Amino acid sequence: MALKTETPSLQHQNLDEYSVNDLVNAFADDQLDAVSAVRAASASIATAVDAAMPRMERRGRLVYVGAGTSGRLGLLDSVELYPTFSWAKSRAIALLAGGKQAVFEAIEGAEDNREQGAADIRAASVDANDVVILLAASGGTPYVLGALHAARAAGALTIGIANNVRAPLTLEAEIGITLDTGSEIISGSTRLKAGTAQKIALNTFSSALMVRLNKVYGNLMVDVKPTNAKLIRRSVNLVVLATGATEPVARATLESSGYSVKTAIVAISKRLNARDARALLAQVHGSVRRAIAT
């Protein structure tokens, strides 16, 4: 049976005759299916977050695996966790079919190498504390399936994300997430809404996980890593928003706290020095809300 992601769309059979305006509207409108697909899979994504939590609390890693567009989307999610949530770089890694070169160009045949997928999982020393997120629009990419079987053998939690119903990846992973986006406007081009749905699902999964891991206070990203001038300004603003302090007080407290937004918020709210605020946060597993309530 033909994959839905590979089946030509019946809605846009004369796409090459569209005006530019009609082309833009058609591509934009079609992306709405990506949002609907993620919403339909919300229960599975929530299950994945709950299942991942114990492993993250044991200092496990998030390991993203994919080929082509899916692999690059996994890499993007892994890279963004450090500046956004101060998630250790060593605890979010991405494995791409074809290796690092595949970030910038297509590596012919790499996705068909099942043995390499398994070898890359072993080389990364994946173990029972890790969460392996495997992505493939088709749900049958050999490289990804090889990685899946090796990850399961190592005892890792496996989460398979695919865009076709009853795909091998979602059936064989411990948790399967199906993003049923259907046919693409350009037949088989899964960099379109299938890729968009994967991006939304990854954002949703990792962000929800970080909220549960006390990386957010209210809806403020209080574990941001201020690595540049923009992020330093944002950090000052976060402290002001969370505490009602003046900007000079927020900035001075941030500086004394080693630019830890969490520490500065607790220090101001509890009238503590940075060392005591940091110790209080450690007692409550980094929860700003619980630290302030203590």
Protein backbone atom coordinates (compact mmCIF):
# COMPACT_ATOMS: atom_id res chain seq x y z
CA MET A 1 0.00 0.00 0.00
CA ALA A 2 1.31 3.44 -0.94
CA LEU A 3 2.33 5.72 1.91
CA LYS A 4 -0.03 8.66 2.45
CA THR A 5 2.96 11.01 2.55
CA GLU A 6 3.93 9.80 -0.93
CA THR A 7 0.45 9.88 -2.47
CA PRO A 8 -0.20 12.88 -4.77
CA SER A 9 -2.65 15.42 -3.36
CA LEU A 10 -6.03 15.51 -5.07
CA GLN A 11 -6.54 19.14 -4.06
CA HIS A 12 -3.78 20.75 -6.08
CA GLN A 13 -3.37 18.72 -9.26
CA ASN A 14 -2.75 21.87 -11.33
CA LEU A 15 -0.31 23.46 -8.93
CA ASP A 16 2.07 24.46 -11.71
CA GLU A 17 -0.67 26.69 -13.20
CA TYR A 18 -1.35 28.66 -10.01
CA SER A 19 -0.62 32.38 -9.74
CA VAL A 20 2.04 33.35 -7.22
CA ASN A 21 -0.59 34.56 -4.76
CA ASP A 22 -2.52 31.31 -5.09
CA LEU A 23 0.69 29.33 -4.61
CA VAL A 24 1.56 31.17 -1.40
CA ASN A 25 -1.95 30.76 -0.02
CA ALA A 26 -2.06 27.08 -0.89
CA PHE A 27 1.25 26.33 0.81
CA ALA A 28 0.35 28.36 3.90
CA ASP A 29 -3.14 26.90 4.24
CA ASP A 30 -1.85 23.35 3.90
CA GLN A 31 0.32 23.84 6.99
CA LEU A 32 -2.84 23.92 9.12
CA ASP A 33 -2.98 20.15 8.72
CA ALA A 34 0.30 19.93 10.62
CA VAL A 35 -1.23 21.62 13.67
CA SER A 36 -4.27 19.35 13.50
CA ALA A 37 -2.06 16.26 13.28
CA VAL A 38 -0.13 17.23 16.41
CA ARG A 39 -3.33 18.00 18.32
CA ALA A 40 -4.66 14.58 17.36
CA ALA A 41 -1.50 12.99 18.76
CA SER A 42 -1.49 15.01 21.99
CA ALA A 43 -2.28 12.02 24.23
CA SER A 44 0.71 10.10 22.84
CA ILE A 45 2.99 13.11 23.27
CA ALA A 46 1.84 13.50 26.89
CA THR A 47 2.55 9.81 27.49
CA ALA A 48 6.05 10.32 26.10
CA VAL A 49 6.69 13.27 28.44
CA ASP A 50 5.57 11.28 31.49
CA ALA A 51 7.65 8.27 30.48
CA ALA A 52 10.75 10.39 29.85
CA MET A 53 10.66 12.17 33.22
CA PRO A 54 12.16 9.40 35.42
CA ARG A 55 15.08 8.96 33.06
CA MET A 56 15.75 12.71 32.94
CA GLU A 57 15.66 12.81 36.75
CA ARG A 58 18.36 10.10 36.68
CA ARG A 59 20.42 12.44 34.50
CA GLY A 60 19.75 10.54 31.31
CA ARG A 61 20.08 12.07 27.84
CA LEU A 62 17.79 12.99 24.99
CA VAL A 63 19.08 11.30 21.84
CA TYR A 64 17.51 12.38 18.54
CA VAL A 65 17.80 10.10 15.50
CA GLY A 66 16.77 10.78 11.91
CA ALA A 67 17.71 11.12 8.25
CA GLY A 68 17.36 14.11 5.95
CA THR A 69 14.80 16.70 7.04
CA SER A 70 13.77 14.65 10.07
CA GLY A 71 17.37 14.34 11.23
CA ARG A 72 17.97 18.07 10.88
CA LEU A 73 14.80 18.86 12.84
CA GLY A 74 15.99 16.58 15.63
CA LEU A 75 19.36 18.32 15.62
CA LEU A 76 17.68 21.72 15.82
CA ASP A 77 15.64 20.72 18.87
CA SER A 78 18.71 19.28 20.60
CA VAL A 79 20.83 22.38 20.01
CA GLU A 80 18.20 24.84 21.24
CA LEU A 81 17.77 23.22 24.66
CA TYR A 82 21.02 24.65 26.03
CA PRO A 83 20.42 28.39 25.44
CA THR A 84 16.70 28.17 26.22
CA PHE A 85 16.76 25.96 29.31
CA SER A 86 20.44 25.61 30.31
CA TRP A 87 20.10 21.92 29.46
CA ALA A 88 23.62 20.48 29.39
CA LYS A 89 24.93 20.06 25.87
CA SER A 90 26.12 16.56 26.72
CA ARG A 91 22.53 15.58 27.59
CA ALA A 92 21.00 16.35 24.18
CA ILE A 93 22.67 14.77 21.16
CA ALA A 94 21.59 14.17 17.58
CA LEU A 95 22.49 11.26 15.32
CA LEU A 96 22.00 11.86 11.60
CA ALA A 97 22.24 9.36 8.78
CA GLY A 98 25.43 10.36 6.98
CA GLY A 99 26.96 12.07 10.02
CA LYS A 100 27.75 15.76 10.45
CA GLN A 101 28.12 16.35 6.72
CA ALA A 102 24.42 15.47 6.33
CA VAL A 103 23.50 18.68 8.15
CA PHE A 104 24.50 20.66 5.06
CA GLU A 105 23.92 18.29 2.15
CA ALA A 106 22.11 15.11 1.22
CA ILE A 107 24.28 12.00 1.65
CA GLU A 108 23.15 9.48 -0.94
CA GLY A 109 22.18 6.10 0.47
CA ALA A 110 22.91 6.99 4.12
CA GLU A 111 19.29 6.56 5.21
CA ASP A 112 19.25 3.01 3.80
CA ASN A 113 22.04 1.78 6.10
CA ARG A 114 20.29 -0.03 8.95
CA GLU A 115 23.56 -1.32 10.38
CA GLN A 116 24.97 2.21 10.65
CA GLY A 117 21.93 3.33 12.64
CA ALA A 118 22.58 0.58 15.16
CA ALA A 119 26.31 1.31 15.18
CA ASP A 120 25.73 5.01 15.87
CA ILE A 121 23.54 4.17 18.88
CA ARG A 122 26.24 1.88 20.26
CA ALA A 123 28.96 4.45 19.61
CA ALA A 124 26.93 7.00 21.60
CA SER A 125 26.89 4.56 24.55
CA VAL A 126 23.10 4.76 24.81
CA ASP A 127 21.84 3.08 27.97
CA ALA A 128 18.73 2.55 30.09
CA ASN A 129 18.73 6.14 31.40
CA ASP A 130 18.45 7.64 27.93
CA VAL A 131 15.40 8.67 25.90
CA VAL A 132 15.82 8.08 22.17
CA ILE A 133 13.52 10.08 19.88
CA LEU A 134 13.41 8.55 16.41
CA LEU A 135 11.98 10.53 13.49
CA ALA A 136 10.99 9.42 9.99
CA ALA A 137 8.13 10.78 7.90
CA SER A 138 7.69 7.43 6.18
CA GLY A 139 8.13 5.53 9.43
CA GLY A 140 10.25 2.93 7.67
CA THR A 141 13.69 4.51 7.15
CA PRO A 142 16.24 1.68 7.60
CA TYR A 143 18.84 3.85 9.40
CA VAL A 144 16.23 4.92 11.95
CA LEU A 145 14.86 1.39 12.41
CA GLY A 146 18.38 0.08 12.98
CA ALA A 147 18.89 2.75 15.64
CA LEU A 148 15.51 1.88 17.18
CA HIS A 149 16.34 -1.78 17.63
CA ALA A 150 19.77 -1.03 19.08
CA ALA A 151 18.28 1.53 21.49
CA ARG A 152 15.65 -0.94 22.67
CA ALA A 153 18.34 -3.58 23.17
CA ALA A 154 20.26 -1.08 25.34
CA GLY A 155 17.18 -0.55 27.52
CA ALA A 156 16.55 3.07 26.49
CA LEU A 157 13.06 4.53 26.25
CA THR A 158 12.25 4.73 22.53
CA ILE A 159 9.80 7.27 21.09
CA GLY A 160 8.99 6.83 17.40
CA ILE A 161 7.54 9.75 15.44
CA ALA A 162 6.20 9.15 11.92
CA ASN A 163 3.67 10.66 9.51
CA ASN A 164 2.06 7.45 8.28
CA VAL A 165 -0.45 5.33 10.17
CA ARG A 166 0.78 1.94 11.44
CA ALA A 167 4.35 2.63 10.38
CA PRO A 168 7.04 0.18 11.57
CA LEU A 169 8.69 2.95 13.58
CA THR A 170 5.62 3.78 15.65
CA LEU A 171 4.58 0.13 16.03
CA GLU A 172 8.00 -1.04 17.21
CA ALA A 173 8.99 1.88 19.44
CA GLU A 174 7.93 1.76 23.08
CA ILE A 175 5.85 4.89 22.47
CA GLY A 176 4.58 5.65 18.97
CA ILE A 177 3.46 9.13 17.91
CA THR A 178 1.66 9.26 14.58
CA LEU A 179 1.38 12.68 12.93
CA ASP A 180 -1.10 11.88 10.17
CA THR A 181 -0.53 14.84 7.85
CA GLY A 182 -1.66 13.06 4.67
CA SER A 183 -0.56 13.95 1.15
CA GLU A 184 1.79 16.84 0.47
CA ILE A 185 0.99 19.62 -1.99
CA ILE A 186 4.19 18.67 -3.81
CA SER A 187 3.96 14.90 -3.93
CA GLY A 188 6.33 13.24 -1.46
CA SER A 189 8.00 16.46 -0.31
CA THR A 190 7.89 15.73 3.42
CA ARG A 191 9.93 18.85 4.17
CA LEU A 192 6.53 20.57 3.94
CA LYS A 193 3.69 19.85 6.39
CA ALA A 194 5.10 16.50 7.52
CA GLY A 195 8.27 18.33 8.58
CA THR A 196 6.24 21.12 10.15
CA ALA A 197 4.28 18.61 12.22
CA GLN A 198 7.51 16.97 13.39
CA LYS A 199 8.89 20.37 14.40
CA ILE A 200 5.74 21.21 16.38
CA ALA A 201 5.74 17.79 18.05
CA LEU A 202 9.40 18.10 19.04
CA ASN A 203 8.88 21.63 20.39
CA THR A 204 5.87 20.40 22.34
CA PHE A 205 7.58 17.33 23.77
CA SER A 206 10.85 18.95 24.81
CA SER A 207 9.24 22.16 26.11
CA ALA A 208 6.69 20.25 28.19
CA LEU A 209 9.51 18.11 29.55
CA MET A 210 11.52 21.19 30.52
CA VAL A 211 8.51 22.72 32.29
CA ARG A 212 8.15 19.52 34.32
CA LEU A 213 11.86 19.70 35.12
CA ASN A 214 11.39 23.14 36.74
CA LYS A 215 12.99 25.09 33.91
CA VAL A 216 10.03 27.50 33.81
CA TYR A 217 8.42 29.71 36.48
CA GLY A 218 4.89 30.72 35.54
CA ASN A 219 5.46 31.06 31.82
CA LEU A 220 8.91 32.65 32.15
CA MET A 221 11.97 30.76 30.85
CA VAL A 222 13.94 31.28 34.03
CA ASP A 223 16.73 28.82 33.20
CA VAL A 224 17.83 30.75 30.10
CA LYS A 225 21.58 30.83 29.52
CA PRO A 226 22.51 34.51 28.91
CA THR A 227 25.30 33.96 26.40
CA ASN A 228 25.02 37.30 24.57
CA ALA A 229 23.90 40.90 25.10
CA LYS A 230 20.32 40.18 23.95
CA LEU A 231 19.95 37.32 26.41
CA ILE A 232 21.45 39.38 29.23
CA ARG A 233 18.79 42.04 28.62
CA ARG A 234 16.15 39.34 28.53
CA SER A 235 17.42 37.91 31.81
CA VAL A 236 17.17 41.29 33.52
CA ASN A 237 13.62 41.67 32.21
CA LEU A 238 12.68 38.19 33.44
CA VAL A 239 13.85 39.04 36.96
CA VAL A 240 11.89 42.33 36.87
CA LEU A 241 8.74 40.53 35.67
CA ALA A 242 9.03 37.78 38.27
CA THR A 243 9.80 39.97 41.29
CA GLY A 244 8.64 43.50 40.56
CA ALA A 245 12.15 44.74 41.36
CA THR A 246 13.60 47.77 39.62
CA GLU A 247 15.92 47.16 36.71
CA PRO A 248 19.06 48.28 38.63
CA VAL A 249 18.23 45.90 41.50
CA ALA A 250 17.50 43.06 39.09
CA ARG A 251 20.75 43.62 37.19
CA ALA A 252 22.86 43.87 40.36
CA THR A 253 21.32 40.70 41.79
CA LEU A 254 21.83 38.87 38.52
CA GLU A 255 25.49 39.84 38.50
CA SER A 256 25.97 38.62 42.06
CA SER A 257 24.17 35.40 41.15
CA GLY A 258 26.45 34.58 38.25
CA TYR A 259 23.63 35.55 35.85
CA SER A 260 21.39 32.77 37.10
CA VAL A 261 17.85 34.08 36.62
CA LYS A 262 16.42 31.51 39.02
CA THR A 263 18.87 32.42 41.76
CA ALA A 264 18.25 36.13 41.33
CA ILE A 265 14.48 35.71 41.52
CA VAL A 266 14.68 33.66 44.71
CA ALA A 267 17.29 35.99 46.23
CA ILE A 268 15.09 39.05 45.69
CA SER A 269 11.82 37.34 46.62
CA LYS A 270 13.20 35.79 49.82
CA ARG A 271 15.70 38.58 50.63
CA LEU A 272 18.60 36.14 50.54
CA ASN A 273 22.15 36.37 49.28
CA ALA A 274 23.00 34.45 46.11
CA ARG A 275 24.64 31.55 47.94
CA ASP A 276 21.63 30.92 50.19
CA ALA A 277 19.19 31.34 47.30
CA ARG A 278 21.14 28.78 45.28
CA ALA A 279 21.16 26.35 48.22
CA LEU A 280 17.40 26.75 48.67
CA LEU A 281 16.81 26.02 45.00
CA ALA A 282 18.91 22.87 45.27
CA GLN A 283 16.72 21.65 48.13
CA VAL A 284 13.59 21.87 45.97
CA HIS A 285 15.10 20.44 42.78
CA GLY A 286 15.35 23.83 41.07
CA SER A 287 11.69 24.82 41.46
CA VAL A 288 11.46 28.60 41.80
CA ARG A 289 7.83 28.36 42.90
CA ARG A 290 8.59 25.92 45.71
CA ALA A 291 11.68 27.87 46.77
CA ILE A 292 9.67 31.07 47.15
CA ALA A 293 6.90 29.25 49.02
CA THR A 294 9.34 27.67 51.49
